[in-house]
C-alpha atoms as a PDB file:
ATOM      1  CA  MET A   1       0.133  -0.206   0.074  1.00  0.00           C
ATOM      2  CA  SER A   2       1.357   3.291  -0.816  1.00  0.00           C
ATOM      3  CA  GLU A   3       1.722   6.253   1.501  1.00  0.00           C
ATOM      4  CA  PHE A   4      -1.327   8.676   1.251  1.00  0.00           C
ATOM      5  CA  SER A   5      -1.331  12.346   1.902  1.00  0.00           C
ATOM      6  CA  GLU A   6      -4.319  14.856   2.397  1.00  0.00           C
ATOM      7  CA  ALA A   7      -3.754  15.969  -1.048  1.00  0.00           C
ATOM      8  CA  THR A   8      -4.800  12.269  -2.306  1.00  0.00           C
ATOM      9  CA  PRO A   9      -7.487  11.734  -4.356  1.00  0.00           C
ATOM     10  CA  LEU A  10      -9.977   9.404  -2.666  1.00  0.00           C
ATOM     11  CA  THR A  11     -12.116   6.644  -4.552  1.00  0.00           C
ATOM     12  CA  PHE A  12     -15.221   4.807  -3.170  1.00  0.00           C
ATOM     13  CA  GLY A  13     -13.121   1.547  -3.643  1.00  0.00           C
ATOM     14  CA  MET A  14     -10.682   3.159  -1.042  1.00  0.00           C
ATOM     15  CA  LEU A  15     -13.391   3.874   1.194  1.00  0.00           C
ATOM     16  CA  LEU A  16     -15.078   0.568   1.501  1.00  0.00           C
ATOM     17  CA  GLU A  17     -11.606  -0.926   1.798  1.00  0.00           C
ATOM     18  CA  ALA A  18     -10.932   1.177   4.561  1.00  0.00           C
ATOM     19  CA  LEU A  19     -14.096   0.370   6.415  1.00  0.00           C
ATOM     20  CA  ASP A  20     -13.374  -3.025   5.607  1.00  0.00           C
ATOM     21  CA  GLY A  21     -10.086  -3.111   7.322  1.00  0.00           C
ATOM     22  CA  CYS A  22     -11.509  -1.271  10.201  1.00  0.00           C
ATOM     23  CA  GLY A  23     -14.384  -3.565  10.470  1.00  0.00           C
ATOM     24  CA  GLN A  24     -11.772  -6.493  10.703  1.00  0.00           C
ATOM     25  CA  ALA A  25      -9.963  -5.098  13.242  1.00  0.00           C
ATOM     26  CA  VAL A  26     -12.416  -4.287  15.430  1.00  0.00           C
ATOM     27  CA  GLY A  27     -14.146  -7.827  15.017  1.00  0.00           C
ATOM     28  CA  PHE A  28     -10.652  -9.378  15.713  1.00  0.00           C
ATOM     29  CA  ALA A  29     -10.217  -7.390  18.729  1.00  0.00           C
ATOM     30  CA  LEU A  30     -13.414  -7.705  20.375  1.00  0.00           C
ATOM     31  CA  ALA A  31     -13.464 -11.711  19.967  1.00  0.00           C
ATOM     32  CA  GLY A  32      -9.965 -11.587  21.374  1.00  0.00           C
ATOM     33  CA  THR A  33     -11.260  -9.589  24.152  1.00  0.00           C
ATOM     34  CA  LEU A  34     -14.126 -11.891  24.851  1.00  0.00           C
ATOM     35  CA  ASN A  35     -11.782 -14.802  24.686  1.00  0.00           C
ATOM     36  CA  THR A  36      -9.538 -13.385  27.143  1.00  0.00           C
ATOM     37  CA  SER A  37     -12.250 -12.482  29.667  1.00  0.00           C
ATOM     38  CA  GLY A  38     -13.165 -16.075  29.508  1.00  0.00           C
ATOM     39  CA  THR A  39     -16.411 -15.926  27.332  1.00  0.00           C
ATOM     40  CA  ASP A  40     -17.051 -19.534  25.941  1.00  0.00           C
ATOM     41  CA  ARG A  41     -16.190 -19.602  21.967  1.00  0.00           C
ATOM     42  CA  SER A  42     -19.360 -20.838  21.419  1.00  0.00           C
ATOM     43  CA  LEU A  43     -20.926 -17.741  22.717  1.00  0.00           C
ATOM     44  CA  ILE A  44     -18.426 -15.576  20.617  1.00  0.00           C
ATOM     45  CA  LEU A  45     -19.452 -17.797  17.695  1.00  0.00           C
ATOM     46  CA  LYS A  46     -23.132 -17.000  18.356  1.00  0.00           C
ATOM     47  CA  ILE A  47     -22.505 -13.490  18.678  1.00  0.00           C
ATOM     48  CA  ALA A  48     -20.802 -13.511  15.119  1.00  0.00           C
ATOM     49  CA  GLU A  49     -23.561 -15.626  13.652  1.00  0.00           C
ATOM     50  CA  SER A  50     -25.888 -12.867  15.146  1.00  0.00           C
ATOM     51  CA  LEU A  51     -24.482 -10.195  13.365  1.00  0.00           C
ATOM     52  CA  GLN A  52     -23.683 -11.591  10.409  1.00  0.00           C
ATOM     53  CA  THR A  53     -27.890 -12.758  10.423  1.00  0.00           C
ATOM     54  CA  LEU A  54     -28.474  -8.586  10.739  1.00  0.00           C
ATOM     55  CA  SER A  55     -26.441  -7.747   8.480  1.00  0.00           C
ATOM     56  CA  VAL A  56     -27.471  -9.672   5.449  1.00  0.00           C
ATOM     57  CA  ALA A  57     -30.839  -8.699   6.668  1.00  0.00           C
ATOM     58  CA  GLY A  58     -30.109  -5.020   5.660  1.00  0.00           C
ATOM     59  CA  ARG A  59     -30.311  -3.896   9.574  1.00  0.00           C
ATOM     60  CA  PHE A  60     -26.662  -2.112   8.641  1.00  0.00           C
ATOM     61  CA  PRO A  61     -27.664  -0.339   5.303  1.00  0.00           C
ATOM     62  CA  GLY A  62     -24.504   1.235   3.239  1.00  0.00           C
ATOM     63  CA  PRO A  63     -21.347   1.407   4.586  1.00  0.00           C
ATOM     64  CA  ALA A  64     -22.300   0.340   8.204  1.00  0.00           C
ATOM     65  CA  GLY A  65     -23.213  -3.193   6.408  1.00  0.00           C
ATOM     66  CA  HIS A  66     -19.715  -3.115   4.645  1.00  0.00           C
ATOM     67  CA  CYS A  67     -18.193  -2.130   8.114  1.00  0.00           C
ATOM     68  CA  MET A  68     -20.444  -4.799   9.621  1.00  0.00           C
ATOM     69  CA  GLY A  69     -19.462  -7.562   7.278  1.00  0.00           C
ATOM     70  CA  GLY A  70     -15.784  -6.489   8.302  1.00  0.00           C
ATOM     71  CA  ILE A  71     -16.704  -7.132  12.061  1.00  0.00           C
ATOM     72  CA  VAL A  72     -17.816 -10.594  11.460  1.00  0.00           C
ATOM     73  CA  HIS A  73     -14.966 -11.569   9.184  1.00  0.00           C
ATOM     74  CA  GLY A  74     -12.635 -10.420  11.934  1.00  0.00           C
ATOM     75  CA  MET A  75     -14.352 -12.289  14.515  1.00  0.00           C
ATOM     76  CA  GLN A  76     -14.512 -15.192  12.123  1.00  0.00           C
ATOM     77  CA  SER A  77     -10.745 -14.896  11.999  1.00  0.00           C
ATOM     78  CA  PHE A  78      -9.897 -14.786  15.615  1.00  0.00           C
ATOM     79  CA  LEU A  79     -11.831 -17.993  16.035  1.00  0.00           C
ATOM     80  CA  MET A  80      -9.937 -19.671  13.499  1.00  0.00           C
ATOM     81  CA  VAL A  81      -6.783 -18.971  15.291  1.00  0.00           C
ATOM     82  CA  GLY A  82      -7.016 -21.389  17.733  1.00  0.00           C
ATOM     83  CA  GLU A  83      -7.739 -21.551  21.469  1.00  0.00           C
ATOM     84  CA  LYS A  84      -5.885 -19.001  23.949  1.00  0.00           C
ATOM     85  CA  ASP A  85      -2.869 -20.317  25.771  1.00  0.00           C
ATOM     86  CA  ASP A  86      -2.758 -20.005  29.524  1.00  0.00           C
ATOM     87  CA  GLY A  87      -0.335 -16.707  29.898  1.00  0.00           C
ATOM     88  CA  ALA A  88      -0.338 -15.853  26.490  1.00  0.00           C
ATOM     89  CA  PRO A  89      -0.953 -12.194  25.717  1.00  0.00           C
ATOM     90  CA  LEU A  90      -4.461 -10.690  25.065  1.00  0.00           C
ATOM     91  CA  LEU A  91      -4.617 -10.992  21.119  1.00  0.00           C
END
């Protein structure tokens, strides 16, 4: 990815990419925090599935829906990484 400045023209695709990346980071951090706090992984998966269902149903229109898709993807990515080892860092 190249460096951007305030003078860089912004495209719609760039905005969607930023929303997607931000959503994925939030989703990964959310799932990691829930996991670290002792939340059962099946409950984290249920939360991700619920958010995905709401997103597919159109409850988050426009850019919010794109961001929510990233959040769900980030949560799923965390769950695919595996179990947290005792004493391991937060994420």
